[in-house]
Amino acid sequence: MAMITVRVSDAEKEWLNYMADFYGISLSDLLKTYSMEQLEDEYDRQTAEIAYKHWLENGKQTVSMDEILSEFGGLE
């Protein structure tokens, strides 16, 4: 099997290790499977989904802009 070297900053390496742990795979498998951009987009999507589920589980509800304007006054 061939080997490649990828140079990253210390902060990027720390983040990549975090993401490998997050997905439960090795750093090598992570880099073979995902690009940095895909990882950032997917992480944002999954954390937003988790936050939304917690929001709903705690009985929270959204309020429409019309309701806010009606309660606090419209834009002048």
PDB file of N, CA and C in Angstrom:
ATOM      1  N   MET A   1       0.853  -1.177   0.000  1.00  0.00           N
ATOM      2  CA  MET A   1       0.000   0.000   0.000  1.00  0.00           C
ATOM      3  C   MET A   1       0.895   1.234   0.000  1.00  0.00           C
ATOM      4  N   ALA A   2       0.538   2.200  -0.814  1.00  0.00           N
ATOM      5  CA  ALA A   2       1.303   3.445  -0.898  1.00  0.00           C
ATOM      6  C   ALA A   2       1.003   4.331   0.302  1.00  0.00           C
ATOM      7  N   MET A   3       1.958   5.205   0.610  1.00  0.00           N
ATOM      8  CA  MET A   3       1.794   6.133   1.718  1.00  0.00           C
ATOM      9  C   MET A   3       2.004   7.549   1.191  1.00  0.00           C
ATOM     10  N   ILE A   4       1.187   8.473   1.668  1.00  0.00           N
ATOM     11  CA  ILE A   4       1.380   9.887   1.347  1.00  0.00           C
ATOM     12  C   ILE A   4       1.510  10.663   2.644  1.00  0.00           C
ATOM     13  N   THR A   5       2.135  11.818   2.554  1.00  0.00           N
ATOM     14  CA  THR A   5       2.283  12.691   3.712  1.00  0.00           C
ATOM     15  C   THR A   5       1.466  13.943   3.469  1.00  0.00           C
ATOM     16  N   VAL A   6       0.694  14.322   4.455  1.00  0.00           N
ATOM     17  CA  VAL A   6      -0.097  15.550   4.378  1.00  0.00           C
ATOM     18  C   VAL A   6       0.379  16.450   5.501  1.00  0.00           C
ATOM     19  N   ARG A   7       0.820  17.635   5.154  1.00  0.00           N
ATOM     20  CA  ARG A   7       1.292  18.581   6.172  1.00  0.00           C
ATOM     21  C   ARG A   7       0.132  19.487   6.586  1.00  0.00           C
ATOM     22  N   VAL A   8      -0.086  19.541   7.889  1.00  0.00           N
ATOM     23  CA  VAL A   8      -1.145  20.380   8.449  1.00  0.00           C
ATOM     24  C   VAL A   8      -0.596  21.095   9.674  1.00  0.00           C
ATOM     25  N   SER A   9      -1.274  22.151  10.067  1.00  0.00           N
ATOM     26  CA  SER A   9      -0.878  22.860  11.290  1.00  0.00           C
ATOM     27  C   SER A   9      -1.242  22.004  12.502  1.00  0.00           C
ATOM     28  N   ASP A  10      -0.703  22.363  13.656  1.00  0.00           N
ATOM     29  CA  ASP A  10      -1.034  21.639  14.893  1.00  0.00           C
ATOM     30  C   ASP A  10      -2.534  21.705  15.173  1.00  0.00           C
ATOM     31  N   ALA A  11      -3.130  22.873  14.939  1.00  0.00           N
ATOM     32  CA  ALA A  11      -4.571  23.040  15.179  1.00  0.00           C
ATOM     33  C   ALA A  11      -5.380  22.155  14.229  1.00  0.00           C
ATOM     34  N   GLU A  12      -4.959  22.089  12.965  1.00  0.00           N
ATOM     35  CA  GLU A  12      -5.662  21.238  12.003  1.00  0.00           C
ATOM     36  C   GLU A  12      -5.535  19.766  12.383  1.00  0.00           C
ATOM     37  N   LYS A  13      -4.357  19.359  12.842  1.00  0.00           N
ATOM     38  CA  LYS A  13      -4.162  17.964  13.254  1.00  0.00           C
ATOM     39  C   LYS A  13      -5.049  17.633  14.445  1.00  0.00           C
ATOM     40  N   GLU A  14      -5.129  18.549  15.401  1.00  0.00           N
ATOM     41  CA  GLU A  14      -5.988  18.334  16.568  1.00  0.00           C
ATOM     42  C   GLU A  14      -7.443  18.179  16.134  1.00  0.00           C
ATOM     43  N   TRP A  15      -7.876  19.034  15.215  1.00  0.00           N
ATOM     44  CA  TRP A  15      -9.255  18.980  14.721  1.00  0.00           C
ATOM     45  C   TRP A  15      -9.504  17.679  13.959  1.00  0.00           C
ATOM     46  N   LEU A  16      -8.546  17.268  13.127  1.00  0.00           N
ATOM     47  CA  LEU A  16      -8.692  16.020  12.377  1.00  0.00           C
ATOM     48  C   LEU A  16      -8.768  14.821  13.320  1.00  0.00           C
ATOM     49  N   ASN A  17      -7.954  14.807  14.367  1.00  0.00           N
ATOM     50  CA  ASN A  17      -8.029  13.727  15.359  1.00  0.00           C
ATOM     51  C   ASN A  17      -9.386  13.722  16.052  1.00  0.00           C
ATOM     52  N   TYR A  18      -9.907  14.915  16.369  1.00  0.00           N
ATOM     53  CA  TYR A  18     -11.235  15.025  16.981  1.00  0.00           C
ATOM     54  C   TYR A  18     -12.295  14.434  16.050  1.00  0.00           C
ATOM     55  N   MET A  19     -12.200  14.770  14.763  1.00  0.00           N
ATOM     56  CA  MET A  19     -13.181  14.278  13.799  1.00  0.00           C
ATOM     57  C   MET A  19     -13.081  12.758  13.631  1.00  0.00           C
ATOM     58  N   ALA A  20     -11.876  12.221  13.643  1.00  0.00           N
ATOM     59  CA  ALA A  20     -11.712  10.764  13.543  1.00  0.00           C
ATOM     60  C   ALA A  20     -12.390  10.088  14.735  1.00  0.00           C
ATOM     61  N   ASP A  21     -12.194  10.642  15.933  1.00  0.00           N
ATOM     62  CA  ASP A  21     -12.868  10.114  17.131  1.00  0.00           C
ATOM     63  C   ASP A  21     -14.379  10.265  17.007  1.00  0.00           C
ATOM     64  N   PHE A  22     -14.836  11.407  16.502  1.00  0.00           N
ATOM     65  CA  PHE A  22     -16.262  11.687  16.324  1.00  0.00           C
ATOM     66  C   PHE A  22     -16.910  10.621  15.439  1.00  0.00           C
ATOM     67  N   TYR A  23     -16.236  10.234  14.359  1.00  0.00           N
ATOM     68  CA  TYR A  23     -16.767   9.226  13.439  1.00  0.00           C
ATOM     69  C   TYR A  23     -16.395   7.799  13.841  1.00  0.00           C
ATOM     70  N   GLY A  24     -15.527   7.648  14.832  1.00  0.00           N
ATOM     71  CA  GLY A  24     -15.138   6.324  15.285  1.00  0.00           C
ATOM     72  C   GLY A  24     -14.269   5.567  14.290  1.00  0.00           C
ATOM     73  N   ILE A  25     -13.440   6.304  13.554  1.00  0.00           N
ATOM     74  CA  ILE A  25     -12.552   5.685  12.566  1.00  0.00           C
ATOM     75  C   ILE A  25     -11.136   6.218  12.757  1.00  0.00           C
ATOM     76  N   SER A  26     -10.189   5.572  12.102  1.00  0.00           N
ATOM     77  CA  SER A  26      -8.800   6.017  12.213  1.00  0.00           C
ATOM     78  C   SER A  26      -8.600   7.312  11.438  1.00  0.00           C
ATOM     79  N   LEU A  27      -7.560   8.033  11.791  1.00  0.00           N
ATOM     80  CA  LEU A  27      -7.224   9.264  11.081  1.00  0.00           C
ATOM     81  C   LEU A  27      -6.952   8.970   9.610  1.00  0.00           C
ATOM     82  N   SER A  28      -6.272   7.879   9.336  1.00  0.00           N
ATOM     83  CA  SER A  28      -5.982   7.487   7.957  1.00  0.00           C
ATOM     84  C   SER A  28      -7.271   7.255   7.166  1.00  0.00           C
ATOM     85  N   ASP A  29      -8.212   6.503   7.751  1.00  0.00           N
ATOM     86  CA  ASP A  29      -9.493   6.258   7.078  1.00  0.00           C
ATOM     87  C   ASP A  29     -10.282   7.548   6.897  1.00  0.00           C
ATOM     88  N   LEU A  30     -10.216   8.409   7.881  1.00  0.00           N
ATOM     89  CA  LEU A  30     -10.913   9.691   7.794  1.00  0.00           C
ATOM     90  C   LEU A  30     -10.430  10.491   6.590  1.00  0.00           C
ATOM     91  N   LEU A  31      -9.114  10.599   6.453  1.00  0.00           N
ATOM     92  CA  LEU A  31      -8.557  11.388   5.359  1.00  0.00           C
ATOM     93  C   LEU A  31      -8.797  10.736   4.007  1.00  0.00           C
ATOM     94  N   LYS A  32      -8.898   9.427   3.986  1.00  0.00           N
ATOM     95  CA  LYS A  32      -9.199   8.743   2.731  1.00  0.00           C
ATOM     96  C   LYS A  32     -10.658   8.943   2.332  1.00  0.00           C
ATOM     97  N   THR A  33     -11.514   9.130   3.294  1.00  0.00           N
ATOM     98  CA  THR A  33     -12.947   9.184   3.031  1.00  0.00           C
ATOM     99  C   THR A  33     -13.477  10.601   2.817  1.00  0.00           C
ATOM    100  N   TYR A  34     -12.953  11.547   3.533  1.00  0.00           N
ATOM    101  CA  TYR A  34     -13.516  12.892   3.520  1.00  0.00           C
ATOM    102  C   TYR A  34     -12.473  13.947   3.173  1.00  0.00           C
ATOM    103  N   SER A  35     -12.929  15.007   2.578  1.00  0.00           N
ATOM    104  CA  SER A  35     -12.075  16.191   2.431  1.00  0.00           C
ATOM    105  C   SER A  35     -12.386  17.129   3.591  1.00  0.00           C
ATOM    106  N   MET A  36     -11.533  18.088   3.837  1.00  0.00           N
ATOM    107  CA  MET A  36     -11.753  19.040   4.934  1.00  0.00           C
ATOM    108  C   MET A  36     -13.109  19.737   4.783  1.00  0.00           C
ATOM    109  N   GLU A  37     -13.443  20.163   3.584  1.00  0.00           N
ATOM    110  CA  GLU A  37     -14.701  20.875   3.368  1.00  0.00           C
ATOM    111  C   GLU A  37     -15.892  19.982   3.668  1.00  0.00           C
ATOM    112  N   GLN A  38     -15.843  18.750   3.198  1.00  0.00           N
ATOM    113  CA  GLN A  38     -16.935  17.823   3.475  1.00  0.00           C
ATOM    114  C   GLN A  38     -17.082  17.588   4.972  1.00  0.00           C
ATOM    115  N   LEU A  39     -15.971  17.477   5.667  1.00  0.00           N
ATOM    116  CA  LEU A  39     -16.023  17.258   7.110  1.00  0.00           C
ATOM    117  C   LEU A  39     -16.675  18.427   7.828  1.00  0.00           C
ATOM    118  N   GLU A  40     -16.283  19.642   7.472  1.00  0.00           N
ATOM    119  CA  GLU A  40     -16.867  20.817   8.121  1.00  0.00           C
ATOM    120  C   GLU A  40     -18.362  20.897   7.856  1.00  0.00           C
ATOM    121  N   ASP A  41     -18.775  20.681   6.612  1.00  0.00           N
ATOM    122  CA  ASP A  41     -20.199  20.739   6.267  1.00  0.00           C
ATOM    123  C   ASP A  41     -20.996  19.654   6.988  1.00  0.00           C
ATOM    124  N   GLU A  42     -20.480  18.448   7.002  1.00  0.00           N
ATOM    125  CA  GLU A  42     -21.180  17.340   7.642  1.00  0.00           C
ATOM    126  C   GLU A  42     -21.247  17.517   9.160  1.00  0.00           C
ATOM    127  N   TYR A  43     -20.172  17.982   9.767  1.00  0.00           N
ATOM    128  CA  TYR A  43     -20.163  18.235  11.209  1.00  0.00           C
ATOM    129  C   TYR A  43     -21.201  19.308  11.562  1.00  0.00           C
ATOM    130  N   ASP A  44     -21.240  20.399  10.806  1.00  0.00           N
ATOM    131  CA  ASP A  44     -22.227  21.458  11.038  1.00  0.00           C
ATOM    132  C   ASP A  44     -23.645  20.910  10.913  1.00  0.00           C
ATOM    133  N   ARG A  45     -23.888  20.090   9.897  1.00  0.00           N
ATOM    134  CA  ARG A  45     -25.219  19.530   9.681  1.00  0.00           C
ATOM    135  C   ARG A  45     -25.627  18.633  10.854  1.00  0.00           C
ATOM    136  N   GLN A  46     -24.718  17.761  11.274  1.00  0.00           N
ATOM    137  CA  GLN A  46     -25.055  16.831  12.355  1.00  0.00           C
ATOM    138  C   GLN A  46     -25.234  17.531  13.693  1.00  0.00           C
ATOM    139  N   THR A  47     -24.397  18.514  14.001  1.00  0.00           N
ATOM    140  CA  THR A  47     -24.563  19.219  15.278  1.00  0.00           C
ATOM    141  C   THR A  47     -25.843  20.051  15.271  1.00  0.00           C
ATOM    142  N   ALA A  48     -26.208  20.613  14.121  1.00  0.00           N
ATOM    143  CA  ALA A  48     -27.473  21.352  14.023  1.00  0.00           C
ATOM    144  C   ALA A  48     -28.652  20.407  14.216  1.00  0.00           C
ATOM    145  N   GLU A  49     -28.570  19.221  13.643  1.00  0.00           N
ATOM    146  CA  GLU A  49     -29.640  18.239  13.789  1.00  0.00           C
ATOM    147  C   GLU A  49     -29.797  17.812  15.248  1.00  0.00           C
ATOM    148  N   ILE A  50     -28.681  17.579  15.922  1.00  0.00           N
ATOM    149  CA  ILE A  50     -28.716  17.204  17.343  1.00  0.00           C
ATOM    150  C   ILE A  50     -29.297  18.340  18.180  1.00  0.00           C
ATOM    151  N   ALA A  51     -28.862  19.568  17.917  1.00  0.00           N
ATOM    152  CA  ALA A  51     -29.374  20.729  18.659  1.00  0.00           C
ATOM    153  C   ALA A  51     -30.873  20.883  18.440  1.00  0.00           C
ATOM    154  N   TYR A  52     -31.330  20.674  17.211  1.00  0.00           N
ATOM    155  CA  TYR A  52     -32.760  20.786  16.910  1.00  0.00           C
ATOM    156  C   TYR A  52     -33.552  19.701  17.652  1.00  0.00           C
ATOM    157  N   LYS A  53     -33.043  18.478  17.693  1.00  0.00           N
ATOM    158  CA  LYS A  53     -33.726  17.401  18.425  1.00  0.00           C
ATOM    159  C   LYS A  53     -33.822  17.733  19.911  1.00  0.00           C
ATOM    160  N   HIS A  54     -32.729  18.249  20.487  1.00  0.00           N
ATOM    161  CA  HIS A  54     -32.754  18.652  21.902  1.00  0.00           C
ATOM    162  C   HIS A  54     -33.767  19.775  22.115  1.00  0.00           C
ATOM    163  N   TRP A  55     -33.813  20.709  21.204  1.00  0.00           N
ATOM    164  CA  TRP A  55     -34.750  21.829  21.265  1.00  0.00           C
ATOM    165  C   TRP A  55     -36.182  21.300  21.330  1.00  0.00           C
ATOM    166  N   LEU A  56     -36.521  20.369  20.429  1.00  0.00           N
ATOM    167  CA  LEU A  56     -37.868  19.815  20.396  1.00  0.00           C
ATOM    168  C   LEU A  56     -38.162  18.966  21.631  1.00  0.00           C
ATOM    169  N   GLU A  57     -37.183  18.175  22.077  1.00  0.00           N
ATOM    170  CA  GLU A  57     -37.372  17.322  23.255  1.00  0.00           C
ATOM    171  C   GLU A  57     -37.642  18.140  24.512  1.00  0.00           C
ATOM    172  N   ASN A  58     -37.147  19.367  24.548  1.00  0.00           N
ATOM    173  CA  ASN A  58     -37.358  20.235  25.708  1.00  0.00           C
ATOM    174  C   ASN A  58     -38.609  21.093  25.569  1.00  0.00           C
ATOM    175  N   GLY A  59     -39.456  20.750  24.580  1.00  0.00           N
ATOM    176  CA  GLY A  59     -40.724  21.442  24.414  1.00  0.00           C
ATOM    177  C   GLY A  59     -40.615  22.845  23.855  1.00  0.00           C
ATOM    178  N   LYS A  60     -39.490  23.168  23.268  1.00  0.00           N
ATOM    179  CA  LYS A  60     -39.301  24.507  22.707  1.00  0.00           C
ATOM    180  C   LYS A  60     -40.043  24.617  21.382  1.00  0.00           C
ATOM    181  N   GLN A  61     -40.460  25.813  21.060  1.00  0.00           N
ATOM    182  CA  GLN A  61     -41.145  26.064  19.795  1.00  0.00           C
ATOM    183  C   GLN A  61     -40.580  27.319  19.162  1.00  0.00           C
ATOM    184  N   THR A  62     -40.643  27.345  17.858  1.00  0.00           N
ATOM    185  CA  THR A  62     -40.216  28.551  17.152  1.00  0.00           C
ATOM    186  C   THR A  62     -41.375  29.533  17.093  1.00  0.00           C
ATOM    187  N   VAL A  63     -41.053  30.772  16.847  1.00  0.00           N
ATOM    188  CA  VAL A  63     -42.053  31.828  16.728  1.00  0.00           C
ATOM    189  C   VAL A  63     -41.852  32.486  15.376  1.00  0.00           C
ATOM    190  N   SER A  64     -42.949  32.696  14.658  1.00  0.00           N
ATOM    191  CA  SER A  64     -42.839  33.301  13.333  1.00  0.00           C
ATOM    192  C   SER A  64     -42.465  34.779  13.447  1.00  0.00           C
ATOM    193  N   MET A  65     -41.901  35.315  12.388  1.00  0.00           N
ATOM    194  CA  MET A  65     -41.542  36.735  12.354  1.00  0.00           C
ATOM    195  C   MET A  65     -42.784  37.600  12.521  1.00  0.00           C
ATOM    196  N   ASP A  66     -43.907  37.185  11.966  1.00  0.00           N
ATOM    197  CA  ASP A  66     -45.159  37.942  12.119  1.00  0.00           C
ATOM    198  C   ASP A  66     -45.563  38.050  13.591  1.00  0.00           C
ATOM    199  N   GLU A  67     -45.405  36.958  14.341  1.00  0.00           N
ATOM    200  CA  GLU A  67     -45.734  36.983  15.771  1.00  0.00           C
ATOM    201  C   GLU A  67     -44.808  37.925  16.536  1.00  0.00           C
ATOM    202  N   ILE A  68     -43.534  37.927  16.191  1.00  0.00           N
ATOM    203  CA  ILE A  68     -42.572  38.816  16.847  1.00  0.00           C
ATOM    204  C   ILE A  68     -42.912  40.269  16.551  1.00  0.00           C
ATOM    205  N   LEU A  69     -43.175  40.574  15.288  1.00  0.00           N
ATOM    206  CA  LEU A  69     -43.514  41.953  14.910  1.00  0.00           C
ATOM    207  C   LEU A  69     -44.819  42.391  15.558  1.00  0.00           C
ATOM    208  N   SER A  70     -45.758  41.472  15.664  1.00  0.00           N
ATOM    209  CA  SER A  70     -47.038  41.794  16.291  1.00  0.00           C
ATOM    210  C   SER A  70     -46.852  42.096  17.777  1.00  0.00           C
ATOM    211  N   GLU A  71     -45.977  41.342  18.447  1.00  0.00           N
ATOM    212  CA  GLU A  71     -45.775  41.534  19.875  1.00  0.00           C
ATOM    213  C   GLU A  71     -44.899  42.741  20.197  1.00  0.00           C
ATOM    214  N   PHE A  72     -43.840  42.942  19.410  1.00  0.00           N
ATOM    215  CA  PHE A  72     -42.864  43.976  19.732  1.00  0.00           C
ATOM    216  C   PHE A  72     -42.913  45.193  18.815  1.00  0.00           C
ATOM    217  N   GLY A  73     -43.770  45.174  17.846  1.00  0.00           N
ATOM    218  CA  GLY A  73     -43.861  46.307  16.933  1.00  0.00           C
ATOM    219  C   GLY A  73     -43.123  46.037  15.637  1.00  0.00           C
ATOM    220  N   GLY A  74     -43.659  46.614  14.580  1.00  0.00           N
ATOM    221  CA  GLY A  74     -43.078  46.397  13.254  1.00  0.00           C
ATOM    222  C   GLY A  74     -41.890  47.286  12.978  1.00  0.00           C
ATOM    223  N   LEU A  75     -41.289  47.031  11.862  1.00  0.00           N
ATOM    224  CA  LEU A  75     -40.172  47.862  11.410  1.00  0.00           C
ATOM    225  C   LEU A  75     -40.720  49.158  10.849  1.00  0.00           C
ATOM    226  N   GLU A  76     -40.107  50.235  11.173  1.00  0.00           N
ATOM    227  CA  GLU A  76     -40.594  51.542  10.726  1.00  0.00           C
ATOM    228  C   GLU A  76     -39.769  52.045   9.584  1.00  0.00           C
TER     229      GLU A  76
END
